[in-house]
Amino acid sequence: TAGEGLSGGGNTGAVTLRVDGAKIQKRVSGKCAVGSSIREIKADGTVVCGDKVKYEGNFNSTSDTVPESYLVVTGTPACHSGKRGSIVIMRPSGAGNQDALCFCGDIDGTYQWSCFNP
């Protein structure tokens, strides 16, 4: 058998195999402008672009035993179970003018932003 999203096929001789475009994703054909991100890739290969989310403000970092480039920050925007998995670009206090890539996650039972400042 051809498998899901495919039809036709055979074991010998000339065979025909068809692809169901509603079930098989086509090659990605779109791109996004510099400074934006791909939010979604549709089945037809086109992309939906989104703006870079950037928060600047007063974030308080706490010390941690992980590498220096890793910061745990608190403040606005709020990090809670509804935002779990969110990724933003932030500028934590003490980081000068260096942006950091941050994600909202459950760390030791508390939801908080974890940032990596490359």
PDB file of N, CA and C in Angstrom:
ATOM      1  N   THR A   1       0.838  -1.197   0.000  1.00  0.00           N
ATOM      2  CA  THR A   1       0.000   0.000   0.000  1.00  0.00           C
ATOM      3  C   THR A   1       0.874   1.249   0.000  1.00  0.00           C
ATOM      4  N   ALA A   2       0.317   2.316  -0.513  1.00  0.00           N
ATOM      5  CA  ALA A   2       1.072   3.551  -0.680  1.00  0.00           C
ATOM      6  C   ALA A   2       1.288   4.294   0.632  1.00  0.00           C
ATOM      7  N   GLY A   3       0.381   4.190   1.582  1.00  0.00           N
ATOM      8  CA  GLY A   3       0.516   4.904   2.847  1.00  0.00           C
ATOM      9  C   GLY A   3      -0.404   6.112   2.904  1.00  0.00           C
ATOM     10  N   GLU A   4      -0.568   6.663   4.095  1.00  0.00           N
ATOM     11  CA  GLU A   4      -1.483   7.789   4.284  1.00  0.00           C
ATOM     12  C   GLU A   4      -1.038   9.000   3.484  1.00  0.00           C
ATOM     13  N   GLY A   5      -1.996   9.620   2.804  1.00  0.00           N
ATOM     14  CA  GLY A   5      -1.708  10.792   1.986  1.00  0.00           C
ATOM     15  C   GLY A   5      -1.240  10.446   0.586  1.00  0.00           C
ATOM     16  N   LEU A   6      -1.063   9.163   0.329  1.00  0.00           N
ATOM     17  CA  LEU A   6      -0.630   8.690  -0.985  1.00  0.00           C
ATOM     18  C   LEU A   6      -1.643   7.685  -1.504  1.00  0.00           C
ATOM     19  N   SER A   7      -1.769   7.606  -2.811  1.00  0.00           N
ATOM     20  CA  SER A   7      -2.638   6.585  -3.398  1.00  0.00           C
ATOM     21  C   SER A   7      -1.974   6.053  -4.656  1.00  0.00           C
ATOM     22  N   GLY A   8      -2.395   4.880  -5.047  1.00  0.00           N
ATOM     23  CA  GLY A   8      -1.810   4.256  -6.222  1.00  0.00           C
ATOM     24  C   GLY A   8      -0.653   3.370  -5.833  1.00  0.00           C
ATOM     25  N   GLY A   9       0.309   3.268  -6.710  1.00  0.00           N
ATOM     26  CA  GLY A   9       1.471   2.436  -6.447  1.00  0.00           C
ATOM     27  C   GLY A   9       1.317   1.064  -7.071  1.00  0.00           C
ATOM     28  N   GLY A  10       2.161   0.175  -6.716  1.00  0.00           N
ATOM     29  CA  GLY A  10       2.127  -1.179  -7.238  1.00  0.00           C
ATOM     30  C   GLY A  10       3.445  -1.866  -6.985  1.00  0.00           C
ATOM     31  N   ASN A  11       3.518  -3.137  -7.393  1.00  0.00           N
ATOM     32  CA  ASN A  11       4.718  -3.930  -7.150  1.00  0.00           C
ATOM     33  C   ASN A  11       5.567  -4.149  -8.390  1.00  0.00           C
ATOM     34  N   THR A  12       4.952  -4.113  -9.559  1.00  0.00           N
ATOM     35  CA  THR A  12       5.700  -4.385 -10.781  1.00  0.00           C
ATOM     36  C   THR A  12       5.250  -3.469 -11.896  1.00  0.00           C
ATOM     37  N   GLY A  13       6.087  -3.338 -12.894  1.00  0.00           N
ATOM     38  CA  GLY A  13       5.744  -2.545 -14.069  1.00  0.00           C
ATOM     39  C   GLY A  13       5.645  -1.061 -13.762  1.00  0.00           C
ATOM     40  N   ALA A  14       5.091  -0.321 -14.713  1.00  0.00           N
ATOM     41  CA  ALA A  14       4.910   1.123 -14.540  1.00  0.00           C
ATOM     42  C   ALA A  14       3.755   1.356 -13.574  1.00  0.00           C
ATOM     43  N   VAL A  15       3.979   2.130 -12.548  1.00  0.00           N
ATOM     44  CA  VAL A  15       2.939   2.413 -11.556  1.00  0.00           C
ATOM     45  C   VAL A  15       2.767   3.920 -11.417  1.00  0.00           C
ATOM     46  N   THR A  16       1.647   4.325 -10.885  1.00  0.00           N
ATOM     47  CA  THR A  16       1.358   5.735 -10.649  1.00  0.00           C
ATOM     48  C   THR A  16       1.137   5.936  -9.155  1.00  0.00           C
ATOM     49  N   LEU A  17       1.710   6.985  -8.629  1.00  0.00           N
ATOM     50  CA  LEU A  17       1.559   7.328  -7.216  1.00  0.00           C
ATOM     51  C   LEU A  17       1.058   8.761  -7.141  1.00  0.00           C
ATOM     52  N   ARG A  18      -0.035   8.985  -6.430  1.00  0.00           N
ATOM     53  CA  ARG A  18      -0.605  10.321  -6.287  1.00  0.00           C
ATOM     54  C   ARG A  18      -0.449  10.791  -4.840  1.00  0.00           C
ATOM     55  N   VAL A  19      -0.257  12.104  -4.683  1.00  0.00           N
ATOM     56  CA  VAL A  19      -0.102  12.713  -3.359  1.00  0.00           C
ATOM     57  C   VAL A  19      -1.329  13.558  -3.065  1.00  0.00           C
ATOM     58  N   ASP A  20      -1.927  13.363  -1.898  1.00  0.00           N
ATOM     59  CA  ASP A  20      -3.065  14.167  -1.452  1.00  0.00           C
ATOM     60  C   ASP A  20      -2.513  15.390  -0.727  1.00  0.00           C
ATOM     61  N   GLY A  21      -2.570  16.548  -1.399  1.00  0.00           N
ATOM     62  CA  GLY A  21      -2.021  17.789  -0.837  1.00  0.00           C
ATOM     63  C   GLY A  21      -2.693  18.247   0.436  1.00  0.00           C
ATOM     64  N   ALA A  22      -3.895  17.750   0.713  1.00  0.00           N
ATOM     65  CA  ALA A  22      -4.577  18.106   1.959  1.00  0.00           C
ATOM     66  C   ALA A  22      -3.990  17.352   3.148  1.00  0.00           C
ATOM     67  N   LYS A  23      -3.285  16.258   2.876  1.00  0.00           N
ATOM     68  CA  LYS A  23      -2.715  15.461   3.958  1.00  0.00           C
ATOM     69  C   LYS A  23      -1.196  15.553   4.030  1.00  0.00           C
ATOM     70  N   ILE A  24      -0.563  15.863   2.937  1.00  0.00           N
ATOM     71  CA  ILE A  24       0.894  15.935   2.882  1.00  0.00           C
ATOM     72  C   ILE A  24       1.294  17.395   2.710  1.00  0.00           C
ATOM     73  N   GLN A  25       2.176  17.869   3.567  1.00  0.00           N
ATOM     74  CA  GLN A  25       2.603  19.264   3.474  1.00  0.00           C
ATOM     75  C   GLN A  25       3.560  19.437   2.303  1.00  0.00           C
ATOM     76  N   LYS A  26       3.323  20.491   1.540  1.00  0.00           N
ATOM     77  CA  LYS A  26       4.199  20.792   0.412  1.00  0.00           C
ATOM     78  C   LYS A  26       5.468  21.464   0.910  1.00  0.00           C
ATOM     79  N   ARG A  27       6.455  21.556   0.037  1.00  0.00           N
ATOM     80  CA  ARG A  27       7.715  22.214   0.370  1.00  0.00           C
ATOM     81  C   ARG A  27       7.443  23.665   0.747  1.00  0.00           C
ATOM     82  N   VAL A  28       8.133  24.149   1.766  1.00  0.00           N
ATOM     83  CA  VAL A  28       7.959  25.538   2.199  1.00  0.00           C
ATOM     84  C   VAL A  28       8.413  26.460   1.082  1.00  0.00           C
ATOM     85  N   SER A  29       7.519  27.354   0.669  1.00  0.00           N
ATOM     86  CA  SER A  29       7.838  28.242  -0.445  1.00  0.00           C
ATOM     87  C   SER A  29       7.884  29.706  -0.033  1.00  0.00           C
ATOM     88  N   GLY A  30       7.464  30.006   1.180  1.00  0.00           N
ATOM     89  CA  GLY A  30       7.420  31.401   1.605  1.00  0.00           C
ATOM     90  C   GLY A  30       8.624  31.787   2.437  1.00  0.00           C
ATOM     91  N   LYS A  31       8.726  33.064   2.704  1.00  0.00           N
ATOM     92  CA  LYS A  31       9.767  33.564   3.590  1.00  0.00           C
ATOM     93  C   LYS A  31       9.240  34.814   4.273  1.00  0.00           C
ATOM     94  N   CYS A  32       9.888  35.200   5.346  1.00  0.00           N
ATOM     95  CA  CYS A  32       9.487  36.380   6.108  1.00  0.00           C
ATOM     96  C   CYS A  32      10.586  37.432   6.019  1.00  0.00           C
ATOM     97  N   ALA A  33      10.193  38.668   6.197  1.00  0.00           N
ATOM     98  CA  ALA A  33      11.140  39.783   6.146  1.00  0.00           C
ATOM     99  C   ALA A  33      12.113  39.711   7.319  1.00  0.00           C
ATOM    100  N   VAL A  34      13.264  40.320   7.160  1.00  0.00           N
ATOM    101  CA  VAL A  34      14.251  40.404   8.228  1.00  0.00           C
ATOM    102  C   VAL A  34      13.596  41.067   9.434  1.00  0.00           C
ATOM    103  N   GLY A  35      13.794  40.509  10.613  1.00  0.00           N
ATOM    104  CA  GLY A  35      13.229  41.061  11.834  1.00  0.00           C
ATOM    105  C   GLY A  35      11.890  40.470  12.209  1.00  0.00           C
ATOM    106  N   SER A  36      11.322  39.636  11.334  1.00  0.00           N
ATOM    107  CA  SER A  36      10.066  38.974  11.676  1.00  0.00           C
ATOM    108  C   SER A  36      10.321  37.474  11.760  1.00  0.00           C
ATOM    109  N   SER A  37       9.303  36.734  12.134  1.00  0.00           N
ATOM    110  CA  SER A  37       9.482  35.299  12.313  1.00  0.00           C
ATOM    111  C   SER A  37       8.371  34.538  11.600  1.00  0.00           C
ATOM    112  N   ILE A  38       8.618  33.261  11.352  1.00  0.00           N
ATOM    113  CA  ILE A  38       7.588  32.394  10.787  1.00  0.00           C
ATOM    114  C   ILE A  38       6.712  31.926  11.943  1.00  0.00           C
ATOM    115  N   ARG A  39       5.410  32.214  11.873  1.00  0.00           N
ATOM    116  CA  ARG A  39       4.459  31.811  12.910  1.00  0.00           C
ATOM    117  C   ARG A  39       3.756  30.513  12.547  1.00  0.00           C
ATOM    118  N   GLU A  40       3.609  30.260  11.244  1.00  0.00           N
ATOM    119  CA  GLU A  40       2.862  29.082  10.805  1.00  0.00           C
ATOM    120  C   GLU A  40       3.305  28.698   9.398  1.00  0.00           C
ATOM    121  N   ILE A  41       3.363  27.402   9.135  1.00  0.00           N
ATOM    122  CA  ILE A  41       3.596  26.898   7.782  1.00  0.00           C
ATOM    123  C   ILE A  41       2.341  26.138   7.392  1.00  0.00           C
ATOM    124  N   LYS A  42       1.677  26.588   6.343  1.00  0.00           N
ATOM    125  CA  LYS A  42       0.421  25.976   5.905  1.00  0.00           C
ATOM    126  C   LYS A  42       0.696  24.757   5.028  1.00  0.00           C
ATOM    127  N   ALA A  43      -0.330  23.938   4.834  1.00  0.00           N
ATOM    128  CA  ALA A  43      -0.186  22.703   4.062  1.00  0.00           C
ATOM    129  C   ALA A  43       0.286  22.961   2.641  1.00  0.00           C
ATOM    130  N   ASP A  44      -0.044  24.136   2.082  1.00  0.00           N
ATOM    131  CA  ASP A  44       0.369  24.436   0.709  1.00  0.00           C
ATOM    132  C   ASP A  44       1.790  24.991   0.626  1.00  0.00           C
ATOM    133  N   GLY A  45       2.477  25.085   1.766  1.00  0.00           N
ATOM    134  CA  GLY A  45       3.864  25.552   1.785  1.00  0.00           C
ATOM    135  C   GLY A  45       4.026  27.032   2.040  1.00  0.00           C
ATOM    136  N   THR A  46       2.933  27.784   2.038  1.00  0.00           N
ATOM    137  CA  THR A  46       3.042  29.218   2.324  1.00  0.00           C
ATOM    138  C   THR A  46       3.229  29.424   3.819  1.00  0.00           C
ATOM    139  N   VAL A  47       3.768  30.574   4.182  1.00  0.00           N
ATOM    140  CA  VAL A  47       4.037  30.865   5.584  1.00  0.00           C
ATOM    141  C   VAL A  47       3.225  32.063   6.048  1.00  0.00           C
ATOM    142  N   VAL A  48       2.969  32.087   7.344  1.00  0.00           N
ATOM    143  CA  VAL A  48       2.355  33.237   8.001  1.00  0.00           C
ATOM    144  C   VAL A  48       3.445  33.859   8.849  1.00  0.00           C
ATOM    145  N   CYS A  49       3.733  35.132   8.611  1.00  0.00           N
ATOM    146  CA  CYS A  49       4.806  35.815   9.322  1.00  0.00           C
ATOM    147  C   CYS A  49       4.256  36.581  10.513  1.00  0.00           C
ATOM    148  N   GLY A  50       5.105  36.819  11.485  1.00  0.00           N
ATOM    149  CA  GLY A  50       4.734  37.604  12.656  1.00  0.00           C
ATOM    150  C   GLY A  50       5.853  38.550  13.015  1.00  0.00           C
ATOM    151  N   ASP A  51       5.487  39.596  13.723  1.00  0.00           N
ATOM    152  CA  ASP A  51       6.481  40.561  14.174  1.00  0.00           C
ATOM    153  C   ASP A  51       7.257  39.996  15.346  1.00  0.00           C
ATOM    154  N   LYS A  52       8.501  40.442  15.475  1.00  0.00           N
ATOM    155  CA  LYS A  52       9.310  40.075  16.626  1.00  0.00           C
ATOM    156  C   LYS A  52       8.683  40.727  17.847  1.00  0.00           C
ATOM    157  N   VAL A  53       8.456  39.939  18.891  1.00  0.00           N
ATOM    158  CA  VAL A  53       7.911  40.479  20.127  1.00  0.00           C
ATOM    159  C   VAL A  53       9.080  40.933  20.978  1.00  0.00           C
ATOM    160  N   LYS A  54       9.046  42.173  21.394  1.00  0.00           N
ATOM    161  CA  LYS A  54      10.149  42.701  22.184  1.00  0.00           C
ATOM    162  C   LYS A  54       9.588  43.493  23.348  1.00  0.00           C
ATOM    163  N   TYR A  55      10.011  43.138  24.543  1.00  0.00           N
ATOM    164  CA  TYR A  55       9.609  43.861  25.732  1.00  0.00           C
ATOM    165  C   TYR A  55      10.838  44.545  26.294  1.00  0.00           C
ATOM    166  N   GLU A  56      10.725  45.804  26.559  1.00  0.00           N
ATOM    167  CA  GLU A  56      11.800  46.511  27.235  1.00  0.00           C
ATOM    168  C   GLU A  56      11.210  47.068  28.507  1.00  0.00           C
ATOM    169  N   GLY A  57      11.905  46.976  29.585  1.00  0.00           N
ATOM    170  CA  GLY A  57      11.368  47.490  30.831  1.00  0.00           C
ATOM    171  C   GLY A  57      12.280  47.154  31.978  1.00  0.00           C
ATOM    172  N   ASN A  58      11.737  47.236  33.158  1.00  0.00           N
ATOM    173  CA  ASN A  58      12.514  47.018  34.364  1.00  0.00           C
ATOM    174  C   ASN A  58      12.321  45.587  34.834  1.00  0.00           C
ATOM    175  N   PHE A  59      13.229  44.719  34.481  1.00  0.00           N
ATOM    176  CA  PHE A  59      13.182  43.333  34.898  1.00  0.00           C
ATOM    177  C   PHE A  59      14.253  43.130  35.957  1.00  0.00           C
ATOM    178  N   ASN A  60      13.917  42.385  36.981  1.00  0.00           N
ATOM    179  CA  ASN A  60      14.863  42.139  38.064  1.00  0.00           C
ATOM    180  C   ASN A  60      15.437  40.742  37.914  1.00  0.00           C
ATOM    181  N   SER A  61      16.742  40.623  37.840  1.00  0.00           N
ATOM    182  CA  SER A  61      17.357  39.308  37.706  1.00  0.00           C
ATOM    183  C   SER A  61      17.764  38.792  39.076  1.00  0.00           C
ATOM    184  N   THR A  62      17.742  37.477  39.230  1.00  0.00           N
ATOM    185  CA  THR A  62      18.184  36.854  40.469  1.00  0.00           C
ATOM    186  C   THR A  62      19.385  35.983  40.151  1.00  0.00           C
ATOM    187  N   SER A  63      20.248  35.809  41.118  1.00  0.00           N
ATOM    188  CA  SER A  63      21.432  34.987  40.871  1.00  0.00           C
ATOM    189  C   SER A  63      21.019  33.525  40.786  1.00  0.00           C
ATOM    190  N   ASP A  64      21.801  32.755  40.110  1.00  0.00           N
ATOM    191  CA  ASP A  64      21.512  31.348  39.918  1.00  0.00           C
ATOM    192  C   ASP A  64      22.840  30.616  39.808  1.00  0.00           C
ATOM    193  N   THR A  65      22.815  29.315  39.900  1.00  0.00           N
ATOM    194  CA  THR A  65      24.054  28.552  39.838  1.00  0.00           C
ATOM    195  C   THR A  65      24.382  28.106  38.426  1.00  0.00           C
ATOM    196  N   VAL A  66      23.582  28.512  37.466  1.00  0.00           N
ATOM    197  CA  VAL A  66      23.827  28.152  36.077  1.00  0.00           C
ATOM    198  C   VAL A  66      24.770  29.167  35.445  1.00  0.00           C
ATOM    199  N   PRO A  67      25.214  28.972  34.199  1.00  0.00           N
ATOM    200  CA  PRO A  67      26.185  29.891  33.595  1.00  0.00           C
ATOM    201  C   PRO A  67      25.759  31.358  33.644  1.00  0.00           C
ATOM    202  N   GLU A  68      26.736  32.259  33.609  1.00  0.00           N
ATOM    203  CA  GLU A  68      26.489  33.693  33.719  1.00  0.00           C
ATOM    204  C   GLU A  68      25.510  34.219  32.681  1.00  0.00           C
ATOM    205  N   SER A  69      25.464  33.591  31.523  1.00  0.00           N
ATOM    206  CA  SER A  69      24.602  34.099  30.464  1.00  0.00           C
ATOM    207  C   SER A  69      23.136  33.753  30.699  1.00  0.00           C
ATOM    208  N   TYR A  70      22.840  33.004  31.739  1.00  0.00           N
ATOM    209  CA  TYR A  70      21.477  32.571  32.030  1.00  0.00           C
ATOM    210  C   TYR A  70      20.928  33.425  33.155  1.00  0.00           C
ATOM    211  N   LEU A  71      19.801  34.075  32.945  1.00  0.00           N
ATOM    212  CA  LEU A  71      19.191  34.925  33.957  1.00  0.00           C
ATOM    213  C   LEU A  71      17.774  34.465  34.219  1.00  0.00           C
ATOM    214  N   VAL A  72      17.352  34.499  35.455  1.00  0.00           N
ATOM    215  CA  VAL A  72      15.950  34.302  35.788  1.00  0.00           C
ATOM    216  C   VAL A  72      15.412  35.677  36.103  1.00  0.00           C
ATOM    217  N   VAL A  73      14.345  36.083  35.447  1.00  0.00           N
ATOM    218  CA  VAL A  73      13.836  37.441  35.614  1.00  0.00           C
ATOM    219  C   VAL A  73      12.388  37.412  36.068  1.00  0.00           C
ATOM    220  N   THR A  74      11.997  38.457  36.784  1.00  0.00           N
ATOM    221  CA  THR A  74      10.614  38.629  37.197  1.00  0.00           C
ATOM    222  C   THR A  74      10.164  40.004  36.764  1.00  0.00           C
ATOM    223  N   GLY A  75       8.876  40.203  36.665  1.00  0.00           N
ATOM    224  CA  GLY A  75       8.364  41.517  36.285  1.00  0.00           C
ATOM    225  C   GLY A  75       7.352  41.394  35.171  1.00  0.00           C
ATOM    226  N   THR A  76       7.134  42.461  34.460  1.00  0.00           N
ATOM    227  CA  THR A  76       6.147  42.501  33.385  1.00  0.00           C
ATOM    228  C   THR A  76       6.838  42.136  32.082  1.00  0.00           C
ATOM    229  N   PRO A  77       6.276  41.369  31.202  1.00  0.00           N
ATOM    230  CA  PRO A  77       4.943  40.783  31.253  1.00  0.00           C
ATOM    231  C   PRO A  77       4.885  39.604  32.214  1.00  0.00           C
ATOM    232  N   ALA A  78       3.694  39.315  32.724  1.00  0.00           N
ATOM    233  CA  ALA A  78       3.532  38.230  33.687  1.00  0.00           C
ATOM    234  C   ALA A  78       3.822  36.883  33.035  1.00  0.00           C
ATOM    235  N   CYS A  79       4.404  35.994  33.801  1.00  0.00           N
ATOM    236  CA  CYS A  79       4.662  34.622  33.351  1.00  0.00           C
ATOM    237  C   CYS A  79       3.798  33.714  34.217  1.00  0.00           C
ATOM    238  N   HIS A  80       2.870  32.989  33.612  1.00  0.00           N
ATOM    239  CA  HIS A  80       1.982  32.094  34.349  1.00  0.00           C
ATOM    240  C   HIS A  80       1.642  30.910  33.453  1.00  0.00           C
ATOM    241  N   SER A  81       0.845  29.981  33.968  1.00  0.00           N
ATOM    242  CA  SER A  81       0.567  28.748  33.222  1.00  0.00           C
ATOM    243  C   SER A  81      -0.034  29.013  31.848  1.00  0.00           C
ATOM    244  N   GLY A  82      -0.803  30.099  31.697  1.00  0.00           N
ATOM    245  CA  GLY A  82      -1.382  30.427  30.399  1.00  0.00           C
ATOM    246  C   GLY A  82      -0.355  30.900  29.388  1.00  0.00           C
ATOM    247  N   LYS A  83       0.814  31.328  29.854  1.00  0.00           N
ATOM    248  CA  LYS A  83       1.871  31.792  28.958  1.00  0.00           C
ATOM    249  C   LYS A  83       3.001  30.775  28.851  1.00  0.00           C
ATOM    250  N   ARG A  84       2.842  29.613  29.484  1.00  0.00           N
ATOM    251  CA  ARG A  84       3.888  28.588  29.468  1.00  0.00           C
ATOM    252  C   ARG A  84       4.297  28.291  28.033  1.00  0.00           C
ATOM    253  N   GLY A  85       5.585  28.310  27.764  1.00  0.00           N
ATOM    254  CA  GLY A  85       6.098  28.052  26.430  1.00  0.00           C
ATOM    255  C   GLY A  85       6.276  29.299  25.590  1.00  0.00           C
ATOM    256  N   SER A  86       5.799  30.455  26.087  1.00  0.00           N
ATOM    257  CA  SER A  86       5.969  31.706  25.342  1.00  0.00           C
ATOM    258  C   SER A  86       7.442  32.064  25.261  1.00  0.00           C
ATOM    259  N   ILE A  87       7.850  32.579  24.117  1.00  0.00           N
ATOM    260  CA  ILE A  87       9.231  33.010  23.930  1.00  0.00           C
ATOM    261  C   ILE A  87       9.210  34.473  23.519  1.00  0.00           C
ATOM    262  N   VAL A  88       9.988  35.298  24.196  1.00  0.00           N
ATOM    263  CA  VAL A  88      10.052  36.723  23.889  1.00  0.00           C
ATOM    264  C   VAL A  88      11.505  37.184  23.908  1.00  0.00           C
ATOM    265  N   ILE A  89      11.733  38.349  23.353  1.00  0.00           N
ATOM    266  CA  ILE A  89      13.032  39.009  23.446  1.00  0.00           C
ATOM    267  C   ILE A  89      12.870  40.095  24.504  1.00  0.00           C
ATOM    268  N   MET A  90      13.672  40.053  25.544  1.00  0.00           N
ATOM    269  CA  MET A  90      13.584  41.036  26.623  1.00  0.00           C
ATOM    270  C   MET A  90      14.956  41.638  26.876  1.00  0.00           C
ATOM    271  N   ARG A  91      14.956  42.699  27.624  1.00  0.00           N
ATOM    272  CA  ARG A  91      16.196  43.331  28.057  1.00  0.00           C
ATOM    273  C   ARG A  91      16.179  43.380  29.586  1.00  0.00           C
ATOM    274  N   PRO A  92      16.682  42.311  30.246  1.00  0.00           N
ATOM    275  CA  PRO A  92      16.676  42.293  31.706  1.00  0.00           C
ATOM    276  C   PRO A  92      17.551  43.395  32.279  1.00  0.00           C
ATOM    277  N   SER A  93      17.176  43.883  33.474  1.00  0.00           N
ATOM    278  CA  SER A  93      18.006  44.894  34.123  1.00  0.00           C
ATOM    279  C   SER A  93      19.383  44.299  34.379  1.00  0.00           C
ATOM    280  N   GLY A  94      20.390  45.100  34.294  1.00  0.00           N
ATOM    281  CA  GLY A  94      21.753  44.636  34.479  1.00  0.00           C
ATOM    282  C   GLY A  94      22.372  44.079  33.217  1.00  0.00           C
ATOM    283  N   ALA A  95      21.603  44.006  32.135  1.00  0.00           N
ATOM    284  CA  ALA A  95      22.127  43.461  30.889  1.00  0.00           C
ATOM    285  C   ALA A  95      22.592  44.568  29.951  1.00  0.00           C
ATOM    286  N   GLY A  96      22.601  45.814  30.433  1.00  0.00           N
ATOM    287  CA  GLY A  96      23.002  46.924  29.578  1.00  0.00           C
ATOM    288  C   GLY A  96      22.030  47.062  28.432  1.00  0.00           C
ATOM    289  N   ASN A  97      22.534  47.171  27.222  1.00  0.00           N
ATOM    290  CA  ASN A  97      21.636  47.270  26.070  1.00  0.00           C
ATOM    291  C   ASN A  97      21.580  45.958  25.300  1.00  0.00           C
ATOM    292  N   GLN A  98      21.891  44.854  25.971  1.00  0.00           N
ATOM    293  CA  GLN A  98      21.898  43.534  25.343  1.00  0.00           C
ATOM    294  C   GLN A  98      20.550  42.847  25.527  1.00  0.00           C
ATOM    295  N   ASP A  99      19.895  42.508  24.426  1.00  0.00           N
ATOM    296  CA  ASP A  99      18.640  41.773  24.500  1.00  0.00           C
ATOM    297  C   ASP A  99      18.916  40.320  24.870  1.00  0.00           C
ATOM    298  N   ALA A 100      17.922  39.673  25.441  1.00  0.00           N
ATOM    299  CA  ALA A 100      18.039  38.269  25.812  1.00  0.00           C
ATOM    300  C   ALA A 100      16.833  37.510  25.276  1.00  0.00           C
ATOM    301  N   LEU A 101      17.029  36.260  24.918  1.00  0.00           N
ATOM    302  CA  LEU A 101      15.944  35.387  24.491  1.00  0.00           C
ATOM    303  C   LEU A 101      15.392  34.731  25.748  1.00  0.00           C
ATOM    304  N   CYS A 102      14.104  34.938  26.024  1.00  0.00           N
ATOM    305  CA  CYS A 102      13.512  34.460  27.269  1.00  0.00           C
ATOM    306  C   CYS A 102      12.312  33.567  26.990  1.00  0.00           C
ATOM    307  N   PHE A 103      12.092  32.598  27.858  1.00  0.00           N
ATOM    308  CA  PHE A 103      10.908  31.760  27.738  1.00  0.00           C
ATOM    309  C   PHE A 103      10.240  31.637  29.098  1.00  0.00           C
ATOM    310  N   CYS A 104       8.924  31.459  29.071  1.00  0.00           N
ATOM    311  CA  CYS A 104       8.130  31.322  30.285  1.00  0.00           C
ATOM    312  C   CYS A 104       7.982  29.837  30.580  1.00  0.00           C
ATOM    313  N   GLY A 105       8.383  29.428  31.764  1.00  0.00           N
ATOM    314  CA  GLY A 105       8.277  28.021  32.100  1.00  0.00           C
ATOM    315  C   GLY A 105       8.182  27.791  33.586  1.00  0.00           C
ATOM    316  N   ASP A 106       7.861  26.564  33.946  1.00  0.00           N
ATOM    317  CA  ASP A 106       7.753  26.150  35.340  1.00  0.00           C
ATOM    318  C   ASP A 106       9.147  25.747  35.812  1.00  0.00           C
ATOM    319  N   ILE A 107       9.702  26.539  36.693  1.00  0.00           N
ATOM    320  CA  ILE A 107      11.037  26.266  37.221  1.00  0.00           C
ATOM    321  C   ILE A 107      10.896  26.015  38.710  1.00  0.00           C
ATOM    322  N   ASP A 108      11.138  24.783  39.122  1.00  0.00           N
ATOM    323  CA  ASP A 108      11.024  24.397  40.525  1.00  0.00           C
ATOM    324  C   ASP A 108       9.665  24.749  41.112  1.00  0.00           C
ATOM    325  N   GLY A 109       8.579  24.543  40.350  1.00  0.00           N
ATOM    326  CA  GLY A 109       7.231  24.773  40.838  1.00  0.00           C
ATOM    327  C   GLY A 109       6.732  26.194  40.726  1.00  0.00           C
ATOM    328  N   THR A 110       7.536  27.101  40.184  1.00  0.00           N
ATOM    329  CA  THR A 110       7.135  28.501  40.037  1.00  0.00           C
ATOM    330  C   THR A 110       7.281  28.904  38.579  1.00  0.00           C
ATOM    331  N   TYR A 111       6.264  29.572  38.036  1.00  0.00           N
ATOM    332  CA  TYR A 111       6.358  30.065  36.664  1.00  0.00           C
ATOM    333  C   TYR A 111       7.198  31.333  36.654  1.00  0.00           C
ATOM    334  N   GLN A 112       8.234  31.346  35.826  1.00  0.00           N
ATOM    335  CA  GLN A 112       9.083  32.525  35.723  1.00  0.00           C
ATOM    336  C   GLN A 112       9.779  32.558  34.368  1.00  0.00           C
ATOM    337  N   TRP A 113      10.259  33.729  34.016  1.00  0.00           N
ATOM    338  CA  TRP A 113      10.990  33.904  32.764  1.00  0.00           C
ATOM    339  C   TRP A 113      12.409  33.402  32.958  1.00  0.00           C
ATOM    340  N   SER A 114      12.886  32.619  32.020  1.00  0.00           N
ATOM    341  CA  SER A 114      14.277  32.177  31.994  1.00  0.00           C
ATOM    342  C   SER A 114      14.883  32.730  30.720  1.00  0.00           C
ATOM    343  N   CYS A 115      16.033  33.371  30.854  1.00  0.00           N
ATOM    344  CA  CYS A 115      16.610  34.079  29.712  1.00  0.00           C
ATOM    345  C   CYS A 115      18.016  33.596  29.414  1.00  0.00           C
ATOM    346  N   PHE A 116      18.348  33.593  28.141  1.00  0.00           N
ATOM    347  CA  PHE A 116      19.707  33.298  27.703  1.00  0.00           C
ATOM    348  C   PHE A 116      20.201  34.508  26.942  1.00  0.00           C
ATOM    349  N   ASN A 117      21.290  35.045  27.388  1.00  0.00           N
ATOM    350  CA  ASN A 117      21.860  36.243  26.790  1.00  0.00           C
ATOM    351  C   ASN A 117      23.135  35.833  26.059  1.00  0.00           C
ATOM    352  N   PRO A 118      23.044  35.564  24.741  1.00  0.00           N
ATOM    353  CA  PRO A 118      24.204  35.015  24.016  1.00  0.00           C
ATOM    354  C   PRO A 118      25.380  35.971  23.951  1.00  0.00           C
TER     355      PRO A 118
END
